[in-house]
Amino acid sequence: MGAKIIRLRYAGTCRECGLALAASTRAWWDAEARSTTCLDCTKAESAETPRTEVVAAEETASLPEPPKPSFSGQAGASAQREYEKRHQRREAKIDQRWGRLAGVVKFLSDDPQSTRAWARGSDGERRLAASLTRRVGERAVLLHDCKVPKTRGNIDHIAIAASGVWVIDAKTYKGLVERRDKGGWFTTDYRLYVNGRDRTKLAEGLAWQVQAVRAALEGSDVPIHAALCFIDAEWKYFAKPFRLRDAWVTWGQKLAEMIAADGPLTEAEVVHIADRLATALPPMVPAP
């Protein structure tokens, strides 16, 4: 299949002159070479230069989706493993203590809240991953449950799009999310409250995750954003995402809108950055 003129679905760069080409710009697309060439460069070429057919009517075909990293990870896998480990440890203790009555004890009791929280967290991560895939899957590369080397920690989700790299921590807290100013007369001290409790440390906890991504992209000036995304929480009418401790506090739909916004990265840069991050911060459990 030869080159043809299309409207670009993703931003690109002219292979001849290096001009940045915005999404929806008409340009030559060479499917075999996976390259774009602006119309001005093709006009400058000699008329004798062989070229495959030009689409007479303005073609609405789109560029194919950019290649995704081989392993995007399995959302919620780490939290699910932690839940299962704690659940099985509790059941083993019941078996040891109660013997033949263990089944009755298990039926009449439940895991402690600290254990159930891991299951809820895993479910929340899977739901957020599904939401982002549905809303921005064609405009971003999504990595899930990324391991941070030399630590026991992981990053729930990383999204790479034209708008930059997004480091996302999913939370399943319930209750009203709000920002309160706890400062004095002449000072401001904004804090995050969820269901009436101070949860500011959740936003502060994203700093080390951002630093891990920045280290993985050392030498690059890619914009990196942090987002604390609440899955089941409540928000006031006309609420908007807000920034706190260098992190966005938001919910799924608004997060998707921010990720999908225009930005400085081209399609090729998005794919290159995603490959670097998938290598440096590999998934805890590869996606099946």
C-alpha atoms as a PDB file:
ATOM      1  CA  MET A   1       0.000   0.000   0.000  1.00  0.00           C
ATOM      2  CA  GLY A   2       1.435   3.384  -1.039  1.00  0.00           C
ATOM      3  CA  ALA A   3       1.388   6.801   0.517  1.00  0.00           C
ATOM      4  CA  LYS A   4      -1.784   8.853   0.479  1.00  0.00           C
ATOM      5  CA  ILE A   5      -3.177  12.122   1.756  1.00  0.00           C
ATOM      6  CA  ILE A   6      -5.255  11.842   4.926  1.00  0.00           C
ATOM      7  CA  ARG A   7      -6.314  13.911   7.883  1.00  0.00           C
ATOM      8  CA  LEU A   8      -3.936  13.014  10.703  1.00  0.00           C
ATOM      9  CA  ARG A   9      -5.604  11.409  13.666  1.00  0.00           C
ATOM     10  CA  TYR A  10      -2.576  12.090  15.868  1.00  0.00           C
ATOM     11  CA  ALA A  11      -0.027  14.881  15.888  1.00  0.00           C
ATOM     12  CA  GLY A  12       3.128  14.080  13.945  1.00  0.00           C
ATOM     13  CA  THR A  13       6.306  15.497  12.422  1.00  0.00           C
ATOM     14  CA  CYS A  14       7.187  15.942   8.764  1.00  0.00           C
ATOM     15  CA  ARG A  15      10.039  13.568   7.930  1.00  0.00           C
ATOM     16  CA  GLU A  16      11.456  16.016   5.347  1.00  0.00           C
ATOM     17  CA  CYS A  17      11.475  19.411   7.069  1.00  0.00           C
ATOM     18  CA  GLY A  18      10.748  18.497  10.703  1.00  0.00           C
ATOM     19  CA  LEU A  19       7.617  20.661  10.858  1.00  0.00           C
ATOM     20  CA  ALA A  20       5.236  19.759  13.681  1.00  0.00           C
ATOM     21  CA  LEU A  21       1.898  18.616  12.260  1.00  0.00           C
ATOM     22  CA  ALA A  22      -1.145  18.972  14.466  1.00  0.00           C
ATOM     23  CA  ALA A  23      -3.898  16.379  14.612  1.00  0.00           C
ATOM     24  CA  SER A  24      -6.494  16.805  11.799  1.00  0.00           C
ATOM     25  CA  THR A  25      -3.880  18.391   9.488  1.00  0.00           C
ATOM     26  CA  ARG A  26      -3.925  17.079   5.893  1.00  0.00           C
ATOM     27  CA  ALA A  27      -0.604  15.407   5.082  1.00  0.00           C
ATOM     28  CA  TRP A  28       0.948  12.461   3.259  1.00  0.00           C
ATOM     29  CA  TRP A  29       0.901   9.221   5.274  1.00  0.00           C
ATOM     30  CA  ASP A  30       3.213   6.364   4.294  1.00  0.00           C
ATOM     31  CA  ALA A  31       1.793   3.272   6.002  1.00  0.00           C
ATOM     32  CA  GLU A  32       4.814   1.085   5.225  1.00  0.00           C
ATOM     33  CA  ALA A  33       7.382   3.571   6.560  1.00  0.00           C
ATOM     34  CA  ARG A  34       4.965   4.836   9.251  1.00  0.00           C
ATOM     35  CA  SER A  35       5.938   8.416   8.443  1.00  0.00           C
ATOM     36  CA  THR A  36       4.210  11.672   7.589  1.00  0.00           C
ATOM     37  CA  THR A  37       5.234  14.366   5.103  1.00  0.00           C
ATOM     38  CA  CYS A  38       3.680  17.828   4.945  1.00  0.00           C
ATOM     39  CA  LEU A  39       1.986  18.937   1.720  1.00  0.00           C
ATOM     40  CA  ASP A  40       4.489  21.782   1.173  1.00  0.00           C
ATOM     41  CA  CYS A  41       7.405  19.346   1.032  1.00  0.00           C
ATOM     42  CA  THR A  42       5.650  17.122  -1.485  1.00  0.00           C
ATOM     43  CA  LYS A  43       4.851  20.113  -3.685  1.00  0.00           C
ATOM     44  CA  ALA A  44       8.538  21.029  -3.701  1.00  0.00           C
ATOM     45  CA  GLU A  45       9.535  17.616  -4.991  1.00  0.00           C
ATOM     46  CA  SER A  46      10.128  17.121  -8.688  1.00  0.00           C
ATOM     47  CA  ALA A  47       7.070  16.195 -10.690  1.00  0.00           C
ATOM     48  CA  GLU A  48       9.012  13.184 -11.944  1.00  0.00           C
ATOM     49  CA  THR A  49       9.455  11.762  -8.476  1.00  0.00           C
ATOM     50  CA  PRO A  50       7.373   8.581  -8.364  1.00  0.00           C
ATOM     51  CA  ARG A  51       4.494   8.850  -5.973  1.00  0.00           C
ATOM     52  CA  THR A  52       1.540   6.594  -5.359  1.00  0.00           C
ATOM     53  CA  GLU A  53      -2.020   7.725  -5.950  1.00  0.00           C
ATOM     54  CA  VAL A  54      -3.356  10.899  -4.343  1.00  0.00           C
ATOM     55  CA  VAL A  55      -6.762  10.628  -2.784  1.00  0.00           C
ATOM     56  CA  ALA A  56      -8.853  12.945  -4.940  1.00  0.00           C
ATOM     57  CA  ALA A  57     -11.589  13.649  -2.448  1.00  0.00           C
ATOM     58  CA  GLU A  58     -10.472  14.673   1.032  1.00  0.00           C
ATOM     59  CA  GLU A  59     -10.061  11.344   2.793  1.00  0.00           C
ATOM     60  CA  THR A  60     -11.281  10.909   6.323  1.00  0.00           C
ATOM     61  CA  ALA A  61      -9.233   7.801   7.052  1.00  0.00           C
ATOM     62  CA  SER A  62      -7.243   7.946  10.263  1.00  0.00           C
ATOM     63  CA  LEU A  63      -3.798   6.906  11.266  1.00  0.00           C
ATOM     64  CA  PRO A  64      -3.745   3.506  12.930  1.00  0.00           C
ATOM     65  CA  GLU A  65      -3.383   3.450  16.669  1.00  0.00           C
ATOM     66  CA  PRO A  66       0.215   3.858  17.828  1.00  0.00           C
ATOM     67  CA  PRO A  67       1.874   0.645  18.940  1.00  0.00           C
ATOM     68  CA  LYS A  68       1.487   0.008  22.652  1.00  0.00           C
ATOM     69  CA  PRO A  69       4.231  -1.351  24.929  1.00  0.00           C
ATOM     70  CA  SER A  70       4.361  -5.122  25.087  1.00  0.00           C
ATOM     71  CA  PHE A  71       3.329  -5.179  28.748  1.00  0.00           C
ATOM     72  CA  SER A  72       0.874  -2.631  30.067  1.00  0.00           C
ATOM     73  CA  GLY A  73       0.352  -4.370  33.393  1.00  0.00           C
ATOM     74  CA  GLN A  74      -2.710  -5.683  35.185  1.00  0.00           C
ATOM     75  CA  ALA A  75      -4.611  -3.002  37.079  1.00  0.00           C
ATOM     76  CA  GLY A  76      -5.140  -3.771  40.770  1.00  0.00           C
ATOM     77  CA  ALA A  77      -2.937  -6.872  40.738  1.00  0.00           C
ATOM     78  CA  SER A  78      -0.685  -5.826  43.638  1.00  0.00           C
ATOM     79  CA  ALA A  79      -3.591  -4.828  45.871  1.00  0.00           C
ATOM     80  CA  GLN A  80      -5.419  -8.066  45.070  1.00  0.00           C
ATOM     81  CA  ARG A  81      -2.334 -10.136  45.944  1.00  0.00           C
ATOM     82  CA  GLU A  82      -1.967  -8.318  49.263  1.00  0.00           C
ATOM     83  CA  TYR A  83      -5.639  -8.935  50.066  1.00  0.00           C
ATOM     84  CA  GLU A  84      -5.360 -12.649  49.259  1.00  0.00           C
ATOM     85  CA  LYS A  85      -2.196 -12.985  51.357  1.00  0.00           C
ATOM     86  CA  ARG A  86      -3.853 -11.378  54.389  1.00  0.00           C
ATOM     87  CA  HIS A  87      -7.108 -13.309  53.883  1.00  0.00           C
ATOM     88  CA  GLN A  88      -5.304 -16.660  53.635  1.00  0.00           C
ATOM     89  CA  ARG A  89      -3.147 -15.889  56.677  1.00  0.00           C
ATOM     90  CA  ARG A  90      -6.274 -15.145  58.745  1.00  0.00           C
ATOM     91  CA  GLU A  91      -7.992 -18.346  57.603  1.00  0.00           C
ATOM     92  CA  ALA A  92      -4.894 -20.385  58.454  1.00  0.00           C
ATOM     93  CA  LYS A  93      -4.925 -18.976  61.989  1.00  0.00           C
ATOM     94  CA  ILE A  94      -8.619 -19.866  62.352  1.00  0.00           C
ATOM     95  CA  ASP A  95      -7.946 -23.411  61.125  1.00  0.00           C
ATOM     96  CA  GLN A  96      -5.128 -23.803  63.627  1.00  0.00           C
ATOM     97  CA  ARG A  97      -7.134 -22.467  66.581  1.00  0.00           C
ATOM     98  CA  TRP A  98     -10.606 -23.882  65.964  1.00  0.00           C
ATOM     99  CA  GLY A  99      -9.986 -27.152  64.180  1.00  0.00           C
ATOM    100  CA  ARG A 100     -13.283 -28.768  63.113  1.00  0.00           C
ATOM    101  CA  LEU A 101     -15.172 -25.618  64.073  1.00  0.00           C
ATOM    102  CA  ALA A 102     -13.085 -23.451  61.736  1.00  0.00           C
ATOM    103  CA  GLY A 103     -15.736 -23.478  58.996  1.00  0.00           C
ATOM    104  CA  VAL A 104     -18.375 -22.124  61.378  1.00  0.00           C
ATOM    105  CA  VAL A 105     -16.037 -19.388  62.640  1.00  0.00           C
ATOM    106  CA  LYS A 106     -15.244 -18.314  59.079  1.00  0.00           C
ATOM    107  CA  PHE A 107     -18.922 -18.217  58.200  1.00  0.00           C
ATOM    108  CA  LEU A 108     -19.832 -16.089  61.216  1.00  0.00           C
ATOM    109  CA  SER A 109     -16.919 -13.664  60.911  1.00  0.00           C
ATOM    110  CA  ASP A 110     -15.259 -11.567  58.256  1.00  0.00           C
ATOM    111  CA  ASP A 111     -11.853 -10.178  57.395  1.00  0.00           C
ATOM    112  CA  PRO A 112     -10.902  -7.041  59.341  1.00  0.00           C
ATOM    113  CA  GLN A 113     -11.425  -3.689  57.649  1.00  0.00           C
ATOM    114  CA  SER A 114      -7.686  -3.318  57.034  1.00  0.00           C
ATOM    115  CA  THR A 115      -7.783  -6.492  54.912  1.00  0.00           C
ATOM    116  CA  ARG A 116     -11.013  -5.672  53.067  1.00  0.00           C
ATOM    117  CA  ALA A 117      -9.545  -2.281  52.127  1.00  0.00           C
ATOM    118  CA  TRP A 118      -7.018  -4.025  49.879  1.00  0.00           C
ATOM    119  CA  ALA A 119      -9.815  -5.778  47.987  1.00  0.00           C
ATOM    120  CA  ARG A 120     -11.703  -2.510  47.571  1.00  0.00           C
ATOM    121  CA  GLY A 121      -8.527  -0.801  46.390  1.00  0.00           C
ATOM    122  CA  SER A 122      -7.907  -3.496  43.787  1.00  0.00           C
ATOM    123  CA  ASP A 123     -11.481  -3.195  42.529  1.00  0.00           C
ATOM    124  CA  GLY A 124     -11.167   0.593  42.328  1.00  0.00           C
ATOM    125  CA  GLU A 125      -7.966   0.376  40.301  1.00  0.00           C
ATOM    126  CA  ARG A 126      -9.575  -2.036  37.828  1.00  0.00           C
ATOM    127  CA  ARG A 127     -12.612   0.203  37.435  1.00  0.00           C
ATOM    128  CA  LEU A 128     -10.483   3.303  36.872  1.00  0.00           C
ATOM    129  CA  ALA A 129      -8.355   1.447  34.333  1.00  0.00           C
ATOM    130  CA  ALA A 130     -11.497   0.402  32.449  1.00  0.00           C
ATOM    131  CA  SER A 131     -12.835   3.968  32.550  1.00  0.00           C
ATOM    132  CA  LEU A 132      -9.599   5.470  31.215  1.00  0.00           C
ATOM    133  CA  THR A 133      -9.340   2.827  28.515  1.00  0.00           C
ATOM    134  CA  ARG A 134     -12.865   3.623  27.383  1.00  0.00           C
ATOM    135  CA  ARG A 135     -12.406   7.398  27.439  1.00  0.00           C
ATOM    136  CA  VAL A 136      -8.796   7.979  26.331  1.00  0.00           C
ATOM    137  CA  GLY A 137      -7.574   4.573  25.169  1.00  0.00           C
ATOM    138  CA  GLU A 138      -7.106   5.805  21.602  1.00  0.00           C
ATOM    139  CA  ARG A 139      -5.294   8.984  22.639  1.00  0.00           C
ATOM    140  CA  ALA A 140      -2.994   7.711  25.363  1.00  0.00           C
ATOM    141  CA  VAL A 141      -0.827   4.782  26.362  1.00  0.00           C
ATOM    142  CA  LEU A 142      -1.877   3.381  29.734  1.00  0.00           C
ATOM    143  CA  LEU A 143       0.426   1.461  32.077  1.00  0.00           C
ATOM    144  CA  HIS A 144      -0.915  -0.201  35.224  1.00  0.00           C
ATOM    145  CA  ASP A 145       0.501  -1.483  38.515  1.00  0.00           C
ATOM    146  CA  CYS A 146       4.039  -0.337  37.747  1.00  0.00           C
ATOM    147  CA  LYS A 147       6.831  -1.576  40.014  1.00  0.00           C
ATOM    148  CA  VAL A 148       9.271   0.990  41.362  1.00  0.00           C
ATOM    149  CA  PRO A 149      12.718  -0.686  41.480  1.00  0.00           C
ATOM    150  CA  LYS A 150      14.511  -0.917  44.830  1.00  0.00           C
ATOM    151  CA  THR A 151      11.265  -0.272  46.708  1.00  0.00           C
ATOM    152  CA  ARG A 152       8.251  -2.310  47.778  1.00  0.00           C
ATOM    153  CA  GLY A 153       5.958   0.264  46.245  1.00  0.00           C
ATOM    154  CA  ASN A 154       4.077   0.501  42.985  1.00  0.00           C
ATOM    155  CA  ILE A 155       2.319   3.142  40.903  1.00  0.00           C
ATOM    156  CA  ASP A 156      -1.354   2.407  40.250  1.00  0.00           C
ATOM    157  CA  HIS A 157      -1.535   3.917  36.768  1.00  0.00           C
ATOM    158  CA  ILE A 158       0.619   5.930  34.366  1.00  0.00           C
ATOM    159  CA  ALA A 159      -0.931   7.617  31.332  1.00  0.00           C
ATOM    160  CA  ILE A 160       1.211   8.999  28.506  1.00  0.00           C
ATOM    161  CA  ALA A 161      -0.494  11.365  26.082  1.00  0.00           C
ATOM    162  CA  ALA A 162       0.083  14.580  24.148  1.00  0.00           C
ATOM    163  CA  SER A 163      -0.571  16.464  27.407  1.00  0.00           C
ATOM    164  CA  GLY A 164       2.373  14.735  29.132  1.00  0.00           C
ATOM    165  CA  VAL A 165       2.902  11.915  31.611  1.00  0.00           C
ATOM    166  CA  TRP A 166       0.248  11.401  34.288  1.00  0.00           C
ATOM    167  CA  VAL A 167       1.093   9.612  37.548  1.00  0.00           C
ATOM    168  CA  ILE A 168      -2.229   8.443  38.983  1.00  0.00           C
ATOM    169  CA  ASP A 169      -3.129   7.115  42.424  1.00  0.00           C
ATOM    170  CA  ALA A 170      -6.650   5.615  42.618  1.00  0.00           C
ATOM    171  CA  LYS A 171      -8.598   5.837  45.877  1.00  0.00           C
ATOM    172  CA  THR A 172     -11.931   4.269  46.860  1.00  0.00           C
ATOM    173  CA  TYR A 173     -12.733   6.490  49.835  1.00  0.00           C
ATOM    174  CA  LYS A 174     -16.385   7.369  50.366  1.00  0.00           C
ATOM    175  CA  GLY A 175     -17.845  10.699  51.444  1.00  0.00           C
ATOM    176  CA  LEU A 176     -17.527  14.303  50.316  1.00  0.00           C
ATOM    177  CA  VAL A 177     -14.209  15.454  48.851  1.00  0.00           C
ATOM    178  CA  GLU A 178     -13.350  19.088  49.557  1.00  0.00           C
ATOM    179  CA  ARG A 179     -10.454  21.473  49.960  1.00  0.00           C
ATOM    180  CA  ARG A 180     -10.432  23.452  53.206  1.00  0.00           C
ATOM    181  CA  ASP A 181      -8.264  26.377  54.151  1.00  0.00           C
ATOM    182  CA  LYS A 182      -7.015  25.761  57.700  1.00  0.00           C
ATOM    183  CA  GLY A 183      -4.714  28.784  57.735  1.00  0.00           C
ATOM    184  CA  GLY A 184      -4.938  31.846  59.937  1.00  0.00           C
ATOM    185  CA  TRP A 185      -5.843  35.448  59.226  1.00  0.00           C
ATOM    186  CA  PHE A 186      -2.837  36.140  57.030  1.00  0.00           C
ATOM    187  CA  THR A 187      -1.832  32.657  55.890  1.00  0.00           C
ATOM    188  CA  THR A 188      -3.337  29.894  53.792  1.00  0.00           C
ATOM    189  CA  ASP A 189      -3.065  26.204  54.555  1.00  0.00           C
ATOM    190  CA  TYR A 190      -5.138  24.222  52.086  1.00  0.00           C
ATOM    191  CA  ARG A 191      -5.903  20.654  53.089  1.00  0.00           C
ATOM    192  CA  LEU A 192      -7.760  17.731  51.586  1.00  0.00           C
ATOM    193  CA  TYR A 193     -10.789  16.463  53.490  1.00  0.00           C
ATOM    194  CA  VAL A 194     -12.758  13.330  52.627  1.00  0.00           C
ATOM    195  CA  ASN A 195     -15.872  12.496  54.627  1.00  0.00           C
ATOM    196  CA  GLY A 196     -14.838  15.092  57.192  1.00  0.00           C
ATOM    197  CA  ARG A 197     -11.353  13.649  57.791  1.00  0.00           C
ATOM    198  CA  ASP A 198      -8.034  15.243  56.891  1.00  0.00           C
ATOM    199  CA  ARG A 199      -6.557  13.181  54.046  1.00  0.00           C
ATOM    200  CA  THR A 200      -3.869  15.628  52.910  1.00  0.00           C
ATOM    201  CA  LYS A 201      -1.190  12.938  53.208  1.00  0.00           C
ATOM    202  CA  LEU A 202      -2.769  11.140  50.245  1.00  0.00           C
ATOM    203  CA  ALA A 203      -1.789  14.021  47.971  1.00  0.00           C
ATOM    204  CA  GLU A 204       1.632  14.339  49.587  1.00  0.00           C
ATOM    205  CA  GLY A 205       2.212  10.616  49.004  1.00  0.00           C
ATOM    206  CA  LEU A 206       2.334  11.124  45.240  1.00  0.00           C
ATOM    207  CA  ALA A 207       5.642  12.998  45.426  1.00  0.00           C
ATOM    208  CA  TRP A 208       7.830   9.871  45.560  1.00  0.00           C
ATOM    209  CA  GLN A 209       5.920   8.326  42.651  1.00  0.00           C
ATOM    210  CA  VAL A 210       6.472  11.415  40.517  1.00  0.00           C
ATOM    211  CA  GLN A 211      10.151  11.334  41.452  1.00  0.00           C
ATOM    212  CA  ALA A 212      10.378   7.687  40.323  1.00  0.00           C
ATOM    213  CA  VAL A 213       8.910   8.594  36.930  1.00  0.00           C
ATOM    214  CA  ARG A 214      11.189  11.618  36.628  1.00  0.00           C
ATOM    215  CA  ALA A 215      14.209   9.430  37.360  1.00  0.00           C
ATOM    216  CA  ALA A 216      13.090   6.934  34.709  1.00  0.00           C
ATOM    217  CA  LEU A 217      12.932   9.790  32.185  1.00  0.00           C
ATOM    218  CA  GLU A 218      16.214  11.384  33.242  1.00  0.00           C
ATOM    219  CA  GLY A 219      17.434  13.874  30.677  1.00  0.00           C
ATOM    220  CA  SER A 220      13.943  14.553  29.346  1.00  0.00           C
ATOM    221  CA  ASP A 221      11.875  17.695  29.905  1.00  0.00           C
ATOM    222  CA  VAL A 222       8.559  15.883  29.489  1.00  0.00           C
ATOM    223  CA  PRO A 223       5.736  17.474  31.529  1.00  0.00           C
ATOM    224  CA  ILE A 224       4.819  15.197  34.457  1.00  0.00           C
ATOM    225  CA  HIS A 225       1.482  15.585  36.247  1.00  0.00           C
ATOM    226  CA  ALA A 226       0.301  13.926  39.459  1.00  0.00           C
ATOM    227  CA  ALA A 227      -3.347  13.033  40.032  1.00  0.00           C
ATOM    228  CA  LEU A 228      -5.199  11.655  43.030  1.00  0.00           C
ATOM    229  CA  CYS A 229      -8.372  10.135  41.583  1.00  0.00           C
ATOM    230  CA  PHE A 230     -11.343   9.231  43.796  1.00  0.00           C
ATOM    231  CA  ILE A 231     -13.567   6.463  42.462  1.00  0.00           C
ATOM    232  CA  ASP A 232     -16.619   6.406  44.775  1.00  0.00           C
ATOM    233  CA  ALA A 233     -16.444   9.735  46.584  1.00  0.00           C
ATOM    234  CA  GLU A 234     -18.970  12.571  46.495  1.00  0.00           C
ATOM    235  CA  TRP A 235     -18.432  16.075  45.142  1.00  0.00           C
ATOM    236  CA  LYS A 236     -20.340  19.313  45.566  1.00  0.00           C
ATOM    237  CA  TYR A 237     -22.449  20.650  42.703  1.00  0.00           C
ATOM    238  CA  PHE A 238     -20.324  22.528  40.151  1.00  0.00           C
ATOM    239  CA  ALA A 239     -17.177  21.117  41.758  1.00  0.00           C
ATOM    240  CA  LYS A 240     -13.941  21.274  39.798  1.00  0.00           C
ATOM    241  CA  PRO A 241     -10.663  19.394  40.182  1.00  0.00           C
ATOM    242  CA  PHE A 242      -8.215  21.285  42.363  1.00  0.00           C
ATOM    243  CA  ARG A 243      -4.488  21.242  42.955  1.00  0.00           C
ATOM    244  CA  LEU A 244      -2.996  20.388  46.322  1.00  0.00           C
ATOM    245  CA  ARG A 245       0.675  19.693  47.114  1.00  0.00           C
ATOM    246  CA  ASP A 246       1.530  19.685  43.369  1.00  0.00           C
ATOM    247  CA  ALA A 247      -1.141  17.065  42.649  1.00  0.00           C
ATOM    248  CA  TRP A 248      -4.534  17.255  41.000  1.00  0.00           C
ATOM    249  CA  VAL A 249      -7.414  15.974  43.120  1.00  0.00           C
ATOM    250  CA  THR A 250     -10.124  14.779  40.766  1.00  0.00           C
ATOM    251  CA  TRP A 251     -12.485  12.016  39.614  1.00  0.00           C
ATOM    252  CA  GLY A 252     -12.468   9.630  36.649  1.00  0.00           C
ATOM    253  CA  GLN A 253     -14.292  11.606  33.973  1.00  0.00           C
ATOM    254  CA  LYS A 254     -12.448  14.860  34.663  1.00  0.00           C
ATOM    255  CA  LEU A 255      -9.130  13.041  34.824  1.00  0.00           C
ATOM    256  CA  ALA A 256      -9.792  11.589  31.371  1.00  0.00           C
ATOM    257  CA  GLU A 257     -10.525  15.071  30.039  1.00  0.00           C
ATOM    258  CA  MET A 258      -7.244  16.412  31.421  1.00  0.00           C
ATOM    259  CA  ILE A 259      -5.261  13.519  29.974  1.00  0.00           C
ATOM    260  CA  ALA A 260      -6.905  13.974  26.557  1.00  0.00           C
ATOM    261  CA  ALA A 261      -6.147  17.710  26.405  1.00  0.00           C
ATOM    262  CA  ASP A 262      -3.797  19.055  23.760  1.00  0.00           C
ATOM    263  CA  GLY A 263      -0.136  19.193  24.681  1.00  0.00           C
ATOM    264  CA  PRO A 264       3.436  19.357  23.426  1.00  0.00           C
ATOM    265  CA  LEU A 265       4.085  15.655  22.766  1.00  0.00           C
ATOM    266  CA  THR A 266       3.784  14.100  19.315  1.00  0.00           C
ATOM    267  CA  GLU A 267       2.503  10.592  18.676  1.00  0.00           C
ATOM    268  CA  ALA A 268       6.061   9.315  18.193  1.00  0.00           C
ATOM    269  CA  GLU A 269       7.206  10.933  21.444  1.00  0.00           C
ATOM    270  CA  VAL A 270       4.267   9.411  23.335  1.00  0.00           C
ATOM    271  CA  VAL A 271       5.184   5.928  22.149  1.00  0.00           C
ATOM    272  CA  HIS A 272       8.901   6.439  22.874  1.00  0.00           C
ATOM    273  CA  ILE A 273       8.229   7.709  26.417  1.00  0.00           C
ATOM    274  CA  ALA A 274       5.797   4.851  27.073  1.00  0.00           C
ATOM    275  CA  ASP A 275       8.431   2.324  26.018  1.00  0.00           C
ATOM    276  CA  ARG A 276      10.993   3.889  28.357  1.00  0.00           C
ATOM    277  CA  LEU A 277       8.598   3.842  31.296  1.00  0.00           C
ATOM    278  CA  ALA A 278       7.383   0.308  30.597  1.00  0.00           C
ATOM    279  CA  THR A 279      11.020  -0.812  30.728  1.00  0.00           C
ATOM    280  CA  ALA A 280      12.129   1.233  33.751  1.00  0.00           C
ATOM    281  CA  LEU A 281       8.922   0.685  35.755  1.00  0.00           C
ATOM    282  CA  PRO A 282       7.798  -2.794  34.666  1.00  0.00           C
ATOM    283  CA  PRO A 283       4.378  -4.173  35.602  1.00  0.00           C
ATOM    284  CA  MET A 284       4.158  -6.099  38.856  1.00  0.00           C
ATOM    285  CA  VAL A 285       2.062  -8.664  36.953  1.00  0.00           C
ATOM    286  CA  PRO A 286       2.003  -8.517  33.117  1.00  0.00           C
ATOM    287  CA  ALA A 287      -1.443  -8.249  31.566  1.00  0.00           C
ATOM    288  CA  PRO A 288      -2.759 -11.617  30.315  1.00  0.00           C
END
